[in-house]
């Protein structure tokens, strides 16, 4: 083909493209979809012709209109199915050999989270995407607790758990549920007179005595800060004890806690039992709906007033984490049957981190170990 013929041939192609574009633009302006299958059909069918005028050939794969032209999976982190019956050993030698996110040792569950820290949490990421990624692989600390759970309270992502579905006596963790039922059903400004029946669990000691009068709010504070059993009994008896206990169990069912049972409002009964997984649901319910309960439990002290005499008493929180800037609230408990229990919510990278230990002789020390392990191994996606 001579040069003149090549020029004429190229000119004819350009003219054809020009008129094709005008035709398709006219189709869009008249209300058409603009997705004319005839558009650039000559270029699609002939890569040689396309290259001759400097246009890359089109992909011959058809466009899927159902996808909307966007890849919505960009930035998403896929969550694998969590294996069932993954419980850790409760032996001190094994420590918390639990289902540990990001730690493949000990047959652990490991979600697909970015290890380099480049993963971003944004509206483009699926709701199931983990908030935290693991940047170190330190083993979980050895603890003597019988049951353990470490989780992001809001997202529900669990990073360490051991015997998480096994029932354990609650001890005074019961009082968190008692407080929620009280908040829903008792006027906290009302006056409450303590009766002898309120002291069935022990002797009268301190400021709460038979015949003393306090606001329901101050009795609630004494129950949460000092874990006073007579305070829990007074609140329940004032409402009707059996009815109150029924309401506790109805609330547990409503909150999605199928393995939880309450036999009294204090936790003295060994029949008051729950699991770490159920307690996670309770903690989330309190965090979302009862901020005043958590606010009370994180205070170092409170002043309560005996209404008949006007005498004021400063009561100090028995929770060693109270007053810490990163402590959002929680409750401690102890009985001979339960040993030491502790439910704690901490703030880390603006997220509420839940740490639960049940059945331990060092509830505060082991909670601190578990929280420090989490902070040293996980960071939030930005």
Protein backbone atom coordinates (compact mmCIF):
# COMPACT_ATOMS: atom_id res chain seq x y z
CA UNK A 1 0.00 0.00 0.00
CA UNK A 2 1.44 3.39 -1.02
CA UNK A 3 1.77 6.25 1.42
CA UNK A 4 -1.11 8.09 -0.26
CA UNK A 5 -3.31 5.02 0.08
CA UNK A 6 -2.39 4.69 3.78
CA UNK A 7 -3.27 8.34 4.39
CA UNK A 8 -6.62 7.95 2.59
CA UNK A 9 -7.35 4.72 4.49
CA UNK A 10 -6.56 6.33 7.87
CA UNK A 11 -8.70 9.33 6.94
CA UNK A 12 -11.66 7.06 6.21
CA UNK A 13 -11.27 5.39 9.62
CA UNK A 14 -11.12 8.72 11.41
CA UNK A 15 -14.21 9.90 9.53
CA UNK A 16 -16.07 6.73 10.53
CA UNK A 17 -15.15 7.17 14.17
CA UNK A 18 -16.17 10.82 14.06
CA UNK A 19 -19.64 10.02 12.73
CA UNK A 20 -19.97 7.11 15.16
CA UNK A 21 -19.26 9.40 18.10
CA UNK A 22 -21.81 11.92 16.87
CA UNK A 23 -24.38 9.17 16.60
CA UNK A 24 -23.74 7.90 20.13
CA UNK A 25 -23.70 11.38 21.65
CA UNK A 26 -27.03 12.03 20.00
CA UNK A 27 -28.34 8.79 21.50
CA UNK A 28 -27.38 9.93 25.02
CA UNK A 29 -28.87 13.38 24.59
CA UNK A 30 -32.19 11.91 23.48
CA UNK A 31 -32.54 9.89 26.70
CA UNK A 32 -30.79 6.71 25.66
CA UNK A 33 -28.66 4.68 28.04
CA UNK A 34 -25.42 5.66 26.35
CA UNK A 35 -24.46 1.99 26.49
CA UNK A 36 -24.87 1.36 22.80
CA UNK A 37 -23.40 -2.07 22.00
CA UNK A 38 -22.58 -0.89 18.48
CA UNK A 39 -20.24 1.80 19.81
CA UNK A 40 -16.62 1.26 18.68
CA UNK A 41 -17.56 -2.17 17.40
CA UNK A 42 -14.97 -1.91 14.63
CA UNK A 43 -12.22 -1.14 17.16
CA UNK A 44 -13.26 -4.00 19.42
CA UNK A 45 -13.23 -6.50 16.61
CA UNK A 46 -9.90 -5.42 15.17
CA UNK A 47 -6.95 -4.67 17.47
CA UNK A 48 -4.89 -3.85 14.36
CA UNK A 49 -7.27 -1.06 13.33
CA UNK A 50 -7.35 0.26 16.88
CA UNK A 51 -3.55 0.39 17.10
CA UNK A 52 -3.30 2.09 13.72
CA UNK A 53 -5.03 5.18 15.12
CA UNK A 54 -3.51 5.01 18.60
CA UNK A 55 -6.51 3.55 20.57
CA UNK A 56 -6.08 0.54 22.83
CA UNK A 57 -8.38 -2.39 22.03
CA UNK A 58 -11.35 -2.93 24.37
CA UNK A 59 -11.73 -5.90 26.68
CA UNK A 60 -14.07 -8.28 25.01
CA UNK A 61 -15.62 -9.37 28.33
CA UNK A 62 -19.23 -8.14 28.66
CA UNK A 63 -20.02 -5.46 31.26
CA UNK A 64 -22.05 -6.71 34.21
CA UNK A 65 -24.64 -4.02 34.90
CA UNK A 66 -25.45 -5.61 38.26
CA UNK A 67 -22.04 -4.58 39.55
CA UNK A 68 -22.70 -0.93 38.87
CA UNK A 69 -19.24 -0.51 37.40
CA UNK A 70 -17.60 -0.54 40.87
CA UNK A 71 -15.70 -3.17 42.79
CA UNK A 72 -17.34 -2.87 46.20
CA UNK A 73 -14.92 -5.37 47.72
CA UNK A 74 -12.03 -2.90 47.54
CA UNK A 75 -10.68 -2.36 51.03
CA UNK A 76 -12.79 -5.13 52.56
CA UNK A 77 -11.28 -7.65 54.94
CA UNK A 78 -12.80 -11.07 54.67
CA UNK A 79 -13.68 -12.84 57.91
CA UNK A 80 -13.28 -16.61 57.90
CA UNK A 81 -15.84 -18.76 59.64
CA UNK A 82 -14.92 -19.10 63.27
CA UNK A 83 -14.30 -22.71 64.28
CA UNK A 84 -16.49 -24.05 67.07
CA UNK A 85 -15.43 -25.65 70.34
CA UNK A 86 -12.11 -23.84 70.46
CA UNK A 87 -11.57 -23.57 74.19
CA UNK A 88 -8.25 -23.13 75.93
CA UNK A 89 -6.68 -25.07 78.72
CA UNK A 90 -7.32 -23.81 82.22
CA UNK A 91 -4.07 -25.18 83.58
CA UNK A 92 -1.56 -22.59 84.83
CA UNK A 93 1.15 -24.27 82.76
CA UNK A 94 -0.75 -23.72 79.54
CA UNK A 95 -1.89 -20.27 80.55
CA UNK A 96 -4.48 -18.71 78.30
CA UNK A 97 -4.13 -21.12 75.41
CA UNK A 98 -7.19 -19.66 73.83
CA UNK A 99 -8.58 -18.65 70.51
CA UNK A 100 -6.12 -15.85 69.88
CA UNK A 101 -6.58 -13.52 66.93
CA UNK A 102 -3.50 -13.32 64.77
CA UNK A 103 -1.57 -16.01 66.63
CA UNK A 104 -1.35 -19.26 64.66
CA UNK A 105 0.25 -21.07 67.59
CA UNK A 106 -1.72 -23.64 69.57
CA UNK A 107 -4.22 -24.11 66.74
CA UNK A 108 -5.55 -20.63 67.29
CA UNK A 109 -8.17 -18.83 65.28
CA UNK A 110 -6.63 -16.10 63.17
CA UNK A 111 -8.79 -13.64 61.21
CA UNK A 112 -7.54 -12.19 57.95
CA UNK A 113 -6.36 -8.82 59.21
CA UNK A 114 -3.53 -6.75 57.76
CA UNK A 115 -0.22 -7.48 59.50
CA UNK A 116 1.65 -4.53 58.02
CA UNK A 117 -0.65 -1.87 59.41
CA UNK A 118 -1.63 -0.53 56.01
CA UNK A 119 -5.25 -1.67 56.26
CA UNK A 120 -7.70 1.20 56.67
CA UNK A 121 -11.02 1.24 58.46
CA UNK A 122 -13.44 3.32 56.42
CA UNK A 123 -16.91 3.25 54.95
CA UNK A 124 -15.50 1.11 52.13
CA UNK A 125 -14.70 -1.73 54.52
CA UNK A 126 -17.34 -4.33 55.23
CA UNK A 127 -19.04 -4.02 58.65
CA UNK A 128 -17.48 -7.34 59.70
CA UNK A 129 -13.95 -6.03 59.18
CA UNK A 130 -11.89 -6.15 62.39
CA UNK A 131 -11.14 -2.80 63.97
CA UNK A 132 -7.73 -3.96 65.21
CA UNK A 133 -4.86 -5.62 63.39
CA UNK A 134 -2.06 -7.58 65.02
CA UNK A 135 1.42 -6.08 64.67
CA UNK A 136 3.25 -8.33 67.15
CA UNK A 137 2.97 -12.01 67.91
CA UNK A 138 3.66 -12.21 71.63
CA UNK A 139 2.05 -15.26 73.26
CA UNK A 140 -0.85 -14.63 75.59
CA UNK A 141 0.25 -14.34 79.23
CA UNK A 142 -0.04 -17.27 81.59
CA UNK A 143 -2.97 -16.69 83.91
CA UNK A 144 -4.61 -18.83 86.56
CA UNK A 145 -8.16 -17.76 85.72
CA UNK A 146 -10.55 -20.54 84.81
CA UNK A 147 -12.27 -18.44 82.14
CA UNK A 148 -10.96 -15.50 80.10
CA UNK A 149 -12.20 -13.14 77.42
CA UNK A 150 -10.60 -10.11 75.74
CA UNK A 151 -12.69 -8.34 73.10
CA UNK A 152 -13.53 -5.07 71.40
CA UNK A 153 -16.86 -4.37 73.07
CA UNK A 154 -18.41 -2.38 70.23
CA UNK A 155 -17.40 -4.52 67.26
CA UNK A 156 -17.71 -7.79 69.18
CA UNK A 157 -14.38 -9.01 67.79
CA UNK A 158 -12.82 -11.39 70.31
CA UNK A 159 -9.03 -11.53 70.56
CA UNK A 160 -8.56 -14.00 73.38
CA UNK A 161 -10.96 -16.42 75.00
CA UNK A 162 -10.78 -19.50 77.18
CA UNK A 163 -13.76 -21.59 78.31
CA UNK A 164 -15.87 -18.70 77.08
CA UNK A 165 -19.10 -20.71 76.98
CA UNK A 166 -18.67 -22.54 80.28
CA UNK A 167 -20.84 -21.44 83.19
CA UNK A 168 -19.18 -20.07 86.29
CA UNK A 169 -20.55 -18.60 89.56
CA UNK A 170 -20.98 -14.86 89.14
CA UNK A 171 -20.38 -13.64 92.68
CA UNK A 172 -20.91 -9.86 92.78
CA UNK A 173 -20.85 -9.44 89.00
CA UNK A 174 -24.57 -10.14 89.50
CA UNK A 175 -24.87 -6.61 90.83
CA UNK A 176 -24.31 -5.16 87.35
CA UNK A 177 -27.54 -6.79 86.18
CA UNK A 178 -29.24 -5.79 89.43
CA UNK A 179 -28.26 -2.18 88.78
CA UNK A 180 -29.75 -2.26 85.27
CA UNK A 181 -33.09 -3.63 86.51
CA UNK A 182 -33.11 -1.02 89.30
CA UNK A 183 -32.48 1.78 86.79
CA UNK A 184 -35.49 0.63 84.77
CA UNK A 185 -37.93 0.12 87.62
CA UNK A 186 -37.02 2.17 90.69
CA UNK A 187 -37.22 5.93 91.19
CA UNK A 188 -33.66 6.73 92.22
CA UNK A 189 -34.81 9.89 94.02
CA UNK A 190 -37.15 7.95 96.29
CA UNK A 191 -36.26 7.34 99.95
CA UNK A 192 -35.48 3.77 100.94
CA UNK A 193 -35.50 2.51 104.53
CA UNK A 194 -33.27 -0.49 105.19
CA UNK A 195 -34.97 -3.37 107.01
CA UNK A 196 -33.65 -6.32 108.99
CA UNK A 197 -34.51 -8.63 106.08
CA UNK A 198 -31.94 -6.80 103.95
CA UNK A 199 -29.12 -8.11 106.18
CA UNK A 200 -29.85 -11.81 105.81
CA UNK A 201 -26.51 -12.23 104.03
CA UNK A 202 -24.39 -10.89 106.90
CA UNK A 203 -24.09 -8.67 109.94
CA UNK A 204 -24.81 -4.97 109.99
CA UNK A 205 -21.53 -3.12 109.54
CA UNK A 206 -20.67 0.40 108.52
CA UNK A 207 -23.22 3.04 107.61
CA UNK A 208 -26.02 0.81 106.28
CA UNK A 209 -28.08 -0.24 109.32
CA UNK A 210 -31.62 -1.36 110.02
CA UNK A 211 -33.82 1.72 110.01
CA UNK A 212 -31.37 3.99 108.19
CA UNK A 213 -32.82 5.95 105.31
CA UNK A 214 -31.05 6.71 102.03
CA UNK A 215 -32.06 7.67 98.54
CA UNK A 216 -32.28 4.73 96.17
CA UNK A 217 -29.48 6.41 94.20
CA UNK A 218 -27.16 6.33 97.24
CA UNK A 219 -28.06 2.71 97.99
CA UNK A 220 -27.21 1.89 94.38
CA UNK A 221 -23.86 3.67 94.77
CA UNK A 222 -23.10 1.66 97.91
CA UNK A 223 -23.89 -1.54 96.01
CA UNK A 224 -21.67 -0.72 93.03
CA UNK A 225 -18.69 0.90 94.77
CA UNK A 226 -18.51 -1.19 97.93
CA UNK A 227 -20.36 -4.25 96.62
CA UNK A 228 -22.68 -4.09 99.66
CA UNK A 229 -24.98 -7.12 99.67
CA UNK A 230 -27.51 -5.41 101.96
CA UNK A 231 -27.80 -2.62 99.38
CA UNK A 232 -28.72 -5.10 96.65
CA UNK A 233 -31.18 -6.84 98.96
CA UNK A 234 -32.76 -3.53 100.01
CA UNK A 235 -33.33 -2.53 96.41
CA UNK A 236 -34.82 -5.92 95.54
CA UNK A 237 -36.96 -6.18 98.71
CA UNK A 238 -38.31 -2.69 98.21
CA UNK A 239 -39.59 -3.79 94.82
CA UNK A 240 -40.60 -7.33 95.82
CA UNK A 241 -37.73 -9.81 95.97
CA UNK A 242 -39.18 -12.73 94.03
CA UNK A 243 -40.59 -10.43 91.40
CA UNK A 244 -37.24 -8.68 91.16
CA UNK A 245 -35.37 -11.99 90.66
CA UNK A 246 -37.85 -12.97 87.94
CA UNK A 247 -37.17 -9.64 86.27
CA UNK A 248 -33.43 -10.32 86.41
CA UNK A 249 -33.89 -13.59 84.54
CA UNK A 250 -36.32 -12.05 82.07
CA UNK A 251 -33.79 -9.30 81.40
CA UNK A 252 -31.02 -11.87 80.83
CA UNK A 253 -33.18 -13.61 78.23
CA UNK A 254 -34.02 -10.28 76.58
CA UNK A 255 -30.34 -9.33 76.45
CA UNK A 256 -29.48 -12.59 74.67
CA UNK A 257 -27.80 -14.36 77.61
CA UNK A 258 -29.08 -17.96 77.37
CA UNK A 259 -26.56 -19.46 79.81
CA UNK A 260 -27.18 -16.95 82.59
CA UNK A 261 -29.32 -17.55 85.66
CA UNK A 262 -29.98 -15.45 88.75
CA UNK A 263 -31.14 -16.87 92.09
CA UNK A 264 -30.57 -13.69 94.12
CA UNK A 265 -29.75 -10.01 93.51
CA UNK A 266 -26.33 -10.14 95.22
CA UNK A 267 -24.39 -13.06 93.72
CA UNK A 268 -23.93 -14.82 97.07
CA UNK A 269 -25.76 -17.86 95.71
CA UNK A 270 -23.67 -20.35 93.74
CA UNK A 271 -26.71 -20.69 91.48
CA UNK A 272 -26.04 -17.21 90.07
CA UNK A 273 -24.06 -18.28 87.01
CA UNK A 274 -23.05 -17.02 83.58
CA UNK A 275 -20.33 -17.33 80.91
CA UNK A 276 -17.82 -14.86 79.49
CA UNK A 277 -19.78 -14.74 76.22
CA UNK A 278 -23.00 -13.89 78.06
CA UNK A 279 -21.18 -11.33 80.18
CA UNK A 280 -19.90 -9.69 77.00
CA UNK A 281 -23.54 -9.13 76.02
CA UNK A 282 -24.30 -7.70 79.44
CA UNK A 283 -21.31 -5.36 79.23
CA UNK A 284 -22.37 -4.15 75.79
CA UNK A 285 -25.93 -3.58 77.03
CA UNK A 286 -24.64 -1.48 79.90
CA UNK A 287 -22.25 0.42 77.63
CA UNK A 288 -24.99 1.27 75.15
CA UNK A 289 -27.94 1.85 77.46
CA UNK A 290 -26.75 2.49 81.02
CA UNK A 291 -23.75 4.84 80.92
CA UNK A 292 -24.55 6.07 84.44
CA UNK A 293 -23.92 2.59 85.84
CA UNK A 294 -20.46 2.44 84.30
CA UNK A 295 -19.83 6.05 85.30
CA UNK A 296 -20.57 5.12 88.92
CA UNK A 297 -18.33 2.04 88.86
CA UNK A 298 -15.31 3.98 87.63
CA UNK A 299 -15.50 6.66 90.34
CA UNK A 300 -12.92 6.47 93.11
CA UNK A 301 -15.44 7.58 95.71
CA UNK A 302 -18.90 8.98 96.31
CA UNK A 303 -20.63 10.88 99.10
CA UNK A 304 -23.90 9.40 100.35
CA UNK A 305 -26.32 10.97 102.82
CA UNK A 306 -28.41 9.38 105.57
CA UNK A 307 -31.64 11.30 105.08
CA UNK A 308 -33.06 11.16 108.62
CA UNK A 309 -29.92 12.64 110.19
CA UNK A 310 -28.29 14.42 107.27
CA UNK A 311 -25.02 12.61 108.01
CA UNK A 312 -22.75 12.37 104.99
CA UNK A 313 -20.36 9.49 104.40
CA UNK A 314 -17.63 9.20 101.79
CA UNK A 315 -17.44 5.69 100.37
CA UNK A 316 -14.38 4.54 98.41
CA UNK A 317 -14.51 2.19 95.45
CA UNK A 318 -13.01 -1.25 96.17
CA UNK A 319 -12.14 -1.65 92.47
CA UNK A 320 -8.40 -1.00 92.13
CA UNK A 321 -8.85 0.35 88.58
CA UNK A 322 -11.30 3.06 89.69
CA UNK A 323 -10.07 6.55 88.89
CA UNK A 324 -7.70 5.47 86.12
CA UNK A 325 -7.99 7.62 83.03
CA UNK A 326 -8.31 4.57 80.77
CA UNK A 327 -10.87 2.72 82.93
CA UNK A 328 -14.44 3.03 81.67
CA UNK A 329 -16.11 0.90 84.31
CA UNK A 330 -16.69 -2.62 85.57
CA UNK A 331 -17.28 -4.75 88.62
CA UNK A 332 -15.35 -7.04 90.89
CA UNK A 333 -16.68 -10.04 92.79
CA UNK A 334 -15.60 -12.79 95.13
CA UNK A 335 -17.09 -15.83 96.86
CA UNK A 336 -15.48 -19.03 98.07
CA UNK A 337 -17.17 -20.93 95.23
CA UNK A 338 -16.35 -18.46 92.48
CA UNK A 339 -12.95 -17.29 93.72
CA UNK A 340 -12.14 -13.89 92.19
CA UNK A 341 -14.12 -12.50 89.23
CA UNK A 342 -13.58 -9.21 87.42
CA UNK A 343 -15.27 -7.55 84.46
CA UNK A 344 -13.43 -4.46 83.20
CA UNK A 345 -13.88 -2.08 80.28
CA UNK A 346 -10.86 -0.02 79.27
CA UNK A 347 -10.30 2.64 76.65
CA UNK A 348 -7.59 1.90 74.09
CA UNK A 349 -7.19 3.87 70.87
CA UNK A 350 -10.66 5.31 71.49
CA UNK A 351 -12.22 1.85 71.61
CA UNK A 352 -13.84 0.06 74.58
CA UNK A 353 -11.81 -3.07 75.32
CA UNK A 354 -13.50 -5.67 77.51
CA UNK A 355 -11.42 -7.93 79.75
CA UNK A 356 -13.13 -10.67 81.78
CA UNK A 357 -11.44 -13.08 84.20
CA UNK A 358 -13.41 -15.61 86.22
CA UNK A 359 -12.16 -17.94 88.91
CA UNK A 360 -8.77 -16.46 89.74
CA UNK A 361 -6.79 -15.62 92.84
CA UNK A 362 -5.33 -12.50 91.21
CA UNK A 363 -8.18 -10.82 89.34
CA UNK A 364 -6.61 -7.37 89.11
CA UNK A 365 -3.10 -8.54 88.29
CA UNK A 366 -4.27 -10.95 85.59
CA UNK A 367 -6.62 -8.38 84.09
CA UNK A 368 -3.71 -5.94 83.88
CA UNK A 369 -1.55 -8.61 82.20
CA UNK A 370 -4.21 -9.37 79.60
CA UNK A 371 -4.90 -5.71 78.84
CA UNK A 372 -1.19 -4.95 78.50
CA UNK A 373 -0.77 -7.97 76.20
CA UNK A 374 -3.56 -6.64 74.00
CA UNK A 375 -2.10 -3.12 73.85
CA UNK A 376 1.35 -4.49 73.04
CA UNK A 377 0.12 -6.68 70.17
CA UNK A 378 -2.83 -4.92 68.54
CA UNK A 379 -3.41 -1.54 66.95
CA UNK A 380 -6.51 0.02 65.53
CA UNK A 381 -6.93 0.40 61.80
CA UNK A 382 -6.99 4.08 60.96
